[in-house]
PDB file of N, CA and C in Angstrom:
ATOM      1  N   UNK A   1       5.276  13.587  34.819  1.00  0.00           N
ATOM      2  CA  UNK A   1       6.178  12.681  35.483  1.00  0.00           C
ATOM      3  C   UNK A   1       7.208  13.504  36.263  1.00  0.00           C
ATOM      4  N   UNK A   2       7.504  13.058  37.450  1.00  0.00           N
ATOM      5  CA  UNK A   2       8.468  13.725  38.314  1.00  0.00           C
ATOM      6  C   UNK A   2       9.888  13.331  37.976  1.00  0.00           C
ATOM      7  N   UNK A   3      10.792  14.297  38.017  1.00  0.00           N
ATOM      8  CA  UNK A   3      12.194  13.950  37.836  1.00  0.00           C
ATOM      9  C   UNK A   3      12.711  13.320  39.120  1.00  0.00           C
ATOM     10  N   UNK A   4      13.846  12.661  39.052  1.00  0.00           N
ATOM     11  CA  UNK A   4      14.356  11.922  40.210  1.00  0.00           C
ATOM     12  C   UNK A   4      14.715  12.829  41.376  1.00  0.00           C
ATOM     13  N   UNK A   5      14.990  14.113  41.144  1.00  0.00           N
ATOM     14  CA  UNK A   5      15.340  15.000  42.255  1.00  0.00           C
ATOM     15  C   UNK A   5      14.169  15.864  42.711  1.00  0.00           C
ATOM     16  N   UNK A   6      13.002  15.694  42.114  1.00  0.00           N
ATOM     17  CA  UNK A   6      11.819  16.450  42.502  1.00  0.00           C
ATOM     18  C   UNK A   6      11.126  15.750  43.666  1.00  0.00           C
ATOM     19  N   UNK A   7      10.817  16.522  44.702  1.00  0.00           N
ATOM     20  CA  UNK A   7      10.169  15.951  45.885  1.00  0.00           C
ATOM     21  C   UNK A   7       8.666  15.824  45.677  1.00  0.00           C
ATOM     22  N   UNK A   8       8.062  14.816  46.284  1.00  0.00           N
ATOM     23  CA  UNK A   8       6.602  14.710  46.212  1.00  0.00           C
ATOM     24  C   UNK A   8       5.970  15.860  46.993  1.00  0.00           C
ATOM     25  N   UNK A   9       4.715  16.168  46.713  1.00  0.00           N
ATOM     26  CA  UNK A   9       4.072  17.266  47.441  1.00  0.00           C
ATOM     27  C   UNK A   9       3.984  16.978  48.934  1.00  0.00           C
ATOM     28  N   UNK A  10       4.055  18.032  49.708  1.00  0.00           N
ATOM     29  CA  UNK A  10       3.858  17.937  51.155  1.00  0.00           C
ATOM     30  C   UNK A  10       2.369  17.755  51.409  1.00  0.00           C
ATOM     31  N   UNK A  11       2.010  16.737  52.193  1.00  0.00           N
ATOM     32  CA  UNK A  11       0.600  16.506  52.486  1.00  0.00           C
ATOM     33  C   UNK A  11       0.202  17.297  53.730  1.00  0.00           C
ATOM     34  N   UNK A  12      -1.011  17.869  53.679  1.00  0.00           N
ATOM     35  CA  UNK A  12      -1.476  18.778  54.720  1.00  0.00           C
ATOM     36  C   UNK A  12      -2.883  18.389  55.161  1.00  0.00           C
ATOM     37  N   UNK A  13      -3.109  18.418  56.469  1.00  0.00           N
ATOM     38  CA  UNK A  13      -4.453  18.291  57.033  1.00  0.00           C
ATOM     39  C   UNK A  13      -4.703  19.521  57.896  1.00  0.00           C
ATOM     40  N   UNK A  14      -5.928  19.990  57.891  1.00  0.00           N
ATOM     41  CA  UNK A  14      -6.285  21.156  58.695  1.00  0.00           C
ATOM     42  C   UNK A  14      -7.350  20.744  59.701  1.00  0.00           C
ATOM     43  N   UNK A  15      -7.061  21.032  60.954  1.00  0.00           N
ATOM     44  CA  UNK A  15      -8.019  20.757  62.034  1.00  0.00           C
ATOM     45  C   UNK A  15      -8.622  22.083  62.445  1.00  0.00           C
ATOM     46  N   UNK A  16      -9.918  22.181  62.280  1.00  0.00           N
ATOM     47  CA  UNK A  16     -10.637  23.414  62.565  1.00  0.00           C
ATOM     48  C   UNK A  16     -10.669  24.282  61.324  1.00  0.00           C
ATOM     49  N   UNK A  17     -11.798  24.308  60.646  1.00  0.00           N
ATOM     50  CA  UNK A  17     -11.891  25.067  59.401  1.00  0.00           C
ATOM     51  C   UNK A  17     -12.904  26.201  59.517  1.00  0.00           C
ATOM     52  N   UNK A  18     -12.809  26.905  60.642  1.00  0.00           N
ATOM     53  CA  UNK A  18     -13.558  28.147  60.777  1.00  0.00           C
ATOM     54  C   UNK A  18     -12.895  29.189  59.893  1.00  0.00           C
ATOM     55  N   UNK A  19     -13.048  30.462  60.236  1.00  0.00           N
ATOM     56  CA  UNK A  19     -12.518  31.547  59.396  1.00  0.00           C
ATOM     57  C   UNK A  19     -11.022  31.407  59.146  1.00  0.00           C
ATOM     58  N   UNK A  20     -10.229  31.202  60.184  1.00  0.00           N
ATOM     59  CA  UNK A  20      -8.787  31.085  59.994  1.00  0.00           C
ATOM     60  C   UNK A  20      -8.414  29.787  59.291  1.00  0.00           C
ATOM     61  N   UNK A  21      -9.076  28.702  59.646  1.00  0.00           N
ATOM     62  CA  UNK A  21      -8.796  27.426  58.994  1.00  0.00           C
ATOM     63  C   UNK A  21      -9.088  27.465  57.511  1.00  0.00           C
ATOM     64  N   UNK A  22     -10.136  28.189  57.124  1.00  0.00           N
ATOM     65  CA  UNK A  22     -10.446  28.322  55.703  1.00  0.00           C
ATOM     66  C   UNK A  22      -9.363  29.121  54.984  1.00  0.00           C
ATOM     67  N   UNK A  23      -8.814  30.126  55.660  1.00  0.00           N
ATOM     68  CA  UNK A  23      -7.698  30.878  55.071  1.00  0.00           C
ATOM     69  C   UNK A  23      -6.483  29.981  54.868  1.00  0.00           C
ATOM     70  N   UNK A  24      -6.231  29.105  55.838  1.00  0.00           N
ATOM     71  CA  UNK A  24      -5.126  28.153  55.705  1.00  0.00           C
ATOM     72  C   UNK A  24      -5.384  27.205  54.537  1.00  0.00           C
ATOM     73  N   UNK A  25      -6.619  26.722  54.425  1.00  0.00           N
ATOM     74  CA  UNK A  25      -6.960  25.818  53.322  1.00  0.00           C
ATOM     75  C   UNK A  25      -6.746  26.507  51.982  1.00  0.00           C
ATOM     76  N   UNK A  26      -7.176  27.750  51.874  1.00  0.00           N
ATOM     77  CA  UNK A  26      -6.998  28.500  50.631  1.00  0.00           C
ATOM     78  C   UNK A  26      -5.518  28.665  50.300  1.00  0.00           C
ATOM     79  N   UNK A  27      -4.723  28.982  51.309  1.00  0.00           N
ATOM     80  CA  UNK A  27      -3.286  29.174  51.086  1.00  0.00           C
ATOM     81  C   UNK A  27      -2.604  27.877  50.661  1.00  0.00           C
ATOM     82  N   UNK A  28      -2.880  26.781  51.359  1.00  0.00           N
ATOM     83  CA  UNK A  28      -2.250  25.509  51.004  1.00  0.00           C
ATOM     84  C   UNK A  28      -2.730  25.009  49.643  1.00  0.00           C
ATOM     85  N   UNK A  29      -4.000  25.230  49.335  1.00  0.00           N
ATOM     86  CA  UNK A  29      -4.523  24.784  48.037  1.00  0.00           C
ATOM     87  C   UNK A  29      -3.833  25.498  46.881  1.00  0.00           C
ATOM     88  N   UNK A  30      -3.339  26.701  47.130  1.00  0.00           N
ATOM     89  CA  UNK A  30      -2.684  27.481  46.079  1.00  0.00           C
ATOM     90  C   UNK A  30      -1.212  27.110  45.889  1.00  0.00           C
ATOM     91  N   UNK A  31      -0.638  26.377  46.815  1.00  0.00           N
ATOM     92  CA  UNK A  31       0.774  26.022  46.718  1.00  0.00           C
ATOM     93  C   UNK A  31       0.970  24.826  45.786  1.00  0.00           C
ATOM     94  N   UNK A  32       1.859  24.935  44.829  1.00  0.00           N
ATOM     95  CA  UNK A  32       2.062  23.817  43.900  1.00  0.00           C
ATOM     96  C   UNK A  32       2.734  22.605  44.547  1.00  0.00           C
ATOM     97  N   UNK A  33       3.435  22.802  45.645  1.00  0.00           N
ATOM     98  CA  UNK A  33       4.151  21.695  46.282  1.00  0.00           C
ATOM     99  C   UNK A  33       3.448  21.188  47.540  1.00  0.00           C
ATOM    100  N   UNK A  34       2.163  21.532  47.705  1.00  0.00           N
ATOM    101  CA  UNK A  34       1.389  21.046  48.854  1.00  0.00           C
ATOM    102  C   UNK A  34       0.096  20.414  48.355  1.00  0.00           C
ATOM    103  N   UNK A  35      -0.376  19.441  49.109  1.00  0.00           N
ATOM    104  CA  UNK A  35      -1.637  18.770  48.750  1.00  0.00           C
ATOM    105  C   UNK A  35      -2.466  18.615  50.011  1.00  0.00           C
ATOM    106  N   UNK A  36      -3.654  19.244  50.019  1.00  0.00           N
ATOM    107  CA  UNK A  36      -4.576  19.076  51.142  1.00  0.00           C
ATOM    108  C   UNK A  36      -5.178  17.687  51.064  1.00  0.00           C
ATOM    109  N   UNK A  37      -4.997  16.902  52.132  1.00  0.00           N
ATOM    110  CA  UNK A  37      -5.490  15.528  52.111  1.00  0.00           C
ATOM    111  C   UNK A  37      -6.683  15.313  53.037  1.00  0.00           C
ATOM    112  N   UNK A  38      -6.909  16.242  53.991  1.00  0.00           N
ATOM    113  CA  UNK A  38      -8.042  16.090  54.905  1.00  0.00           C
ATOM    114  C   UNK A  38      -8.278  17.372  55.684  1.00  0.00           C
ATOM    115  N   UNK A  39      -9.536  17.540  56.086  1.00  0.00           N
ATOM    116  CA  UNK A  39      -9.905  18.611  57.012  1.00  0.00           C
ATOM    117  C   UNK A  39     -10.787  18.008  58.087  1.00  0.00           C
ATOM    118  N   UNK A  40     -10.792  18.668  59.250  1.00  0.00           N
ATOM    119  CA  UNK A  40     -11.663  18.233  60.344  1.00  0.00           C
ATOM    120  C   UNK A  40     -12.266  19.458  61.009  1.00  0.00           C
ATOM    121  N   UNK A  41     -13.526  19.335  61.384  1.00  0.00           N
ATOM    122  CA  UNK A  41     -14.208  20.380  62.142  1.00  0.00           C
ATOM    123  C   UNK A  41     -15.370  19.719  62.874  1.00  0.00           C
ATOM    124  N   UNK A  42     -15.670  20.203  64.070  1.00  0.00           N
ATOM    125  CA  UNK A  42     -16.771  19.615  64.835  1.00  0.00           C
ATOM    126  C   UNK A  42     -18.114  19.861  64.159  1.00  0.00           C
ATOM    127  N   UNK A  43     -18.194  20.875  63.307  1.00  0.00           N
ATOM    128  CA  UNK A  43     -19.413  21.135  62.550  1.00  0.00           C
ATOM    129  C   UNK A  43     -19.311  20.416  61.209  1.00  0.00           C
ATOM    130  N   UNK A  44     -20.084  19.348  61.091  1.00  0.00           N
ATOM    131  CA  UNK A  44     -20.005  18.486  59.909  1.00  0.00           C
ATOM    132  C   UNK A  44     -20.181  19.265  58.607  1.00  0.00           C
ATOM    133  N   UNK A  45     -21.179  20.133  58.543  1.00  0.00           N
ATOM    134  CA  UNK A  45     -21.437  20.865  57.312  1.00  0.00           C
ATOM    135  C   UNK A  45     -20.255  21.745  56.925  1.00  0.00           C
ATOM    136  N   UNK A  46     -19.608  22.345  57.915  1.00  0.00           N
ATOM    137  CA  UNK A  46     -18.438  23.183  57.629  1.00  0.00           C
ATOM    138  C   UNK A  46     -17.301  22.332  57.073  1.00  0.00           C
ATOM    139  N   UNK A  47     -17.030  21.198  57.696  1.00  0.00           N
ATOM    140  CA  UNK A  47     -15.966  20.314  57.209  1.00  0.00           C
ATOM    141  C   UNK A  47     -16.265  19.860  55.790  1.00  0.00           C
ATOM    142  N   UNK A  48     -17.495  19.479  55.541  1.00  0.00           N
ATOM    143  CA  UNK A  48     -17.898  19.013  54.217  1.00  0.00           C
ATOM    144  C   UNK A  48     -17.767  20.110  53.163  1.00  0.00           C
ATOM    145  N   UNK A  49     -18.200  21.314  53.534  1.00  0.00           N
ATOM    146  CA  UNK A  49     -18.175  22.442  52.601  1.00  0.00           C
ATOM    147  C   UNK A  49     -16.747  22.845  52.238  1.00  0.00           C
ATOM    148  N   UNK A  50     -15.878  22.925  53.230  1.00  0.00           N
ATOM    149  CA  UNK A  50     -14.489  23.308  52.963  1.00  0.00           C
ATOM    150  C   UNK A  50     -13.800  22.233  52.118  1.00  0.00           C
ATOM    151  N   UNK A  51     -14.063  20.973  52.431  1.00  0.00           N
ATOM    152  CA  UNK A  51     -13.493  19.886  51.634  1.00  0.00           C
ATOM    153  C   UNK A  51     -13.943  19.994  50.178  1.00  0.00           C
ATOM    154  N   UNK A  52     -15.212  20.249  49.958  1.00  0.00           N
ATOM    155  CA  UNK A  52     -15.733  20.366  48.596  1.00  0.00           C
ATOM    156  C   UNK A  52     -15.148  21.579  47.880  1.00  0.00           C
ATOM    157  N   UNK A  53     -15.059  22.687  48.575  1.00  0.00           N
ATOM    158  CA  UNK A  53     -14.546  23.924  47.975  1.00  0.00           C
ATOM    159  C   UNK A  53     -13.114  23.774  47.490  1.00  0.00           C
ATOM    160  N   UNK A  54     -12.289  23.085  48.275  1.00  0.00           N
ATOM    161  CA  UNK A  54     -10.864  23.005  47.956  1.00  0.00           C
ATOM    162  C   UNK A  54     -10.445  21.642  47.402  1.00  0.00           C
ATOM    163  N   UNK A  55     -11.402  20.796  47.079  1.00  0.00           N
ATOM    164  CA  UNK A  55     -11.090  19.501  46.479  1.00  0.00           C
ATOM    165  C   UNK A  55     -10.352  18.556  47.412  1.00  0.00           C
ATOM    166  N   UNK A  56     -10.670  18.641  48.695  1.00  0.00           N
ATOM    167  CA  UNK A  56     -10.021  17.792  49.701  1.00  0.00           C
ATOM    168  C   UNK A  56     -10.750  16.445  49.730  1.00  0.00           C
ATOM    169  N   UNK A  57     -10.023  15.347  49.582  1.00  0.00           N
ATOM    170  CA  UNK A  57     -10.681  14.044  49.453  1.00  0.00           C
ATOM    171  C   UNK A  57     -11.341  13.508  50.730  1.00  0.00           C
ATOM    172  N   UNK A  58     -10.902  13.968  51.912  1.00  0.00           N
ATOM    173  CA  UNK A  58     -11.457  13.425  53.168  1.00  0.00           C
ATOM    174  C   UNK A  58     -11.805  14.552  54.126  1.00  0.00           C
ATOM    175  N   UNK A  59     -12.918  14.371  54.828  1.00  0.00           N
ATOM    176  CA  UNK A  59     -13.290  15.306  55.886  1.00  0.00           C
ATOM    177  C   UNK A  59     -13.779  14.506  57.085  1.00  0.00           C
ATOM    178  N   UNK A  60     -13.593  15.085  58.256  1.00  0.00           N
ATOM    179  CA  UNK A  60     -13.925  14.410  59.515  1.00  0.00           C
ATOM    180  C   UNK A  60     -14.540  15.417  60.482  1.00  0.00           C
ATOM    181  N   UNK A  61     -15.298  14.889  61.447  1.00  0.00           N
ATOM    182  CA  UNK A  61     -15.815  15.731  62.529  1.00  0.00           C
ATOM    183  C   UNK A  61     -15.019  15.505  63.812  1.00  0.00           C
ATOM    184  N   UNK A  62     -14.114  14.563  63.791  1.00  0.00           N
ATOM    185  CA  UNK A  62     -13.280  14.266  64.960  1.00  0.00           C
ATOM    186  C   UNK A  62     -11.816  14.191  64.505  1.00  0.00           C
ATOM    187  N   UNK A  63     -11.009  15.104  65.011  1.00  0.00           N
ATOM    188  CA  UNK A  63      -9.600  15.146  64.586  1.00  0.00           C
ATOM    189  C   UNK A  63      -8.863  13.862  64.936  1.00  0.00           C
ATOM    190  N   UNK A  64      -9.297  13.174  65.990  1.00  0.00           N
ATOM    191  CA  UNK A  64      -8.627  11.918  66.360  1.00  0.00           C
ATOM    192  C   UNK A  64      -8.838  10.855  65.298  1.00  0.00           C
ATOM    193  N   UNK A  65     -10.009  10.842  64.711  1.00  0.00           N
ATOM    194  CA  UNK A  65     -10.265   9.894  63.625  1.00  0.00           C
ATOM    195  C   UNK A  65      -9.384  10.231  62.420  1.00  0.00           C
ATOM    196  N   UNK A  66      -9.294  11.516  62.088  1.00  0.00           N
ATOM    197  CA  UNK A  66      -8.429  11.956  60.995  1.00  0.00           C
ATOM    198  C   UNK A  66      -7.010  11.448  61.223  1.00  0.00           C
ATOM    199  N   UNK A  67      -6.462  11.732  62.401  1.00  0.00           N
ATOM    200  CA  UNK A  67      -5.075  11.356  62.686  1.00  0.00           C
ATOM    201  C   UNK A  67      -4.882   9.846  62.805  1.00  0.00           C
ATOM    202  N   UNK A  68      -5.956   9.126  63.090  1.00  0.00           N
ATOM    203  CA  UNK A  68      -5.870   7.676  63.157  1.00  0.00           C
ATOM    204  C   UNK A  68      -5.889   7.011  61.783  1.00  0.00           C
ATOM    205  N   UNK A  69      -6.388   7.748  60.791  1.00  0.00           N
ATOM    206  CA  UNK A  69      -6.530   7.152  59.456  1.00  0.00           C
ATOM    207  C   UNK A  69      -5.494   7.621  58.457  1.00  0.00           C
ATOM    208  N   UNK A  70      -4.952   8.815  58.639  1.00  0.00           N
ATOM    209  CA  UNK A  70      -3.960   9.326  57.707  1.00  0.00           C
ATOM    210  C   UNK A  70      -2.795   9.925  58.472  1.00  0.00           C
ATOM    211  N   UNK A  71      -1.680  10.045  57.799  1.00  0.00           N
ATOM    212  CA  UNK A  71      -0.485  10.625  58.417  1.00  0.00           C
ATOM    213  C   UNK A  71       0.041  11.737  57.514  1.00  0.00           C
ATOM    214  N   UNK A  72      -0.527  12.926  57.650  1.00  0.00           N
ATOM    215  CA  UNK A  72      -0.061  14.027  56.811  1.00  0.00           C
ATOM    216  C   UNK A  72       1.316  14.520  57.285  1.00  0.00           C
ATOM    217  N   UNK A  73       2.009  15.206  56.400  1.00  0.00           N
ATOM    218  CA  UNK A  73       3.286  15.800  56.759  1.00  0.00           C
ATOM    219  C   UNK A  73       3.103  16.988  57.702  1.00  0.00           C
ATOM    220  N   UNK A  74       2.032  17.740  57.495  1.00  0.00           N
ATOM    221  CA  UNK A  74       1.749  18.937  58.295  1.00  0.00           C
ATOM    222  C   UNK A  74       0.301  18.893  58.761  1.00  0.00           C
ATOM    223  N   UNK A  75       0.080  19.271  59.999  1.00  0.00           N
ATOM    224  CA  UNK A  75      -1.279  19.410  60.539  1.00  0.00           C
ATOM    225  C   UNK A  75      -1.398  20.817  61.102  1.00  0.00           C
TER     226      UNK A  75
END
């Protein structure tokens, strides 16, 4: 349970999960105050794989669809 002065985790989406995007996903996944909520990549298998690896609940092949469905704190 969160105390009244504890902030909720910062939600994060990553667009483009090639080599650098995967590094970003790894870094955000390791932060206790961040939560990866979505990834997007034009290569479906890459988006799916990165989402599975880091426990990301949503993946997309079109960043516009991602941004139309969720509103992360950081992209």
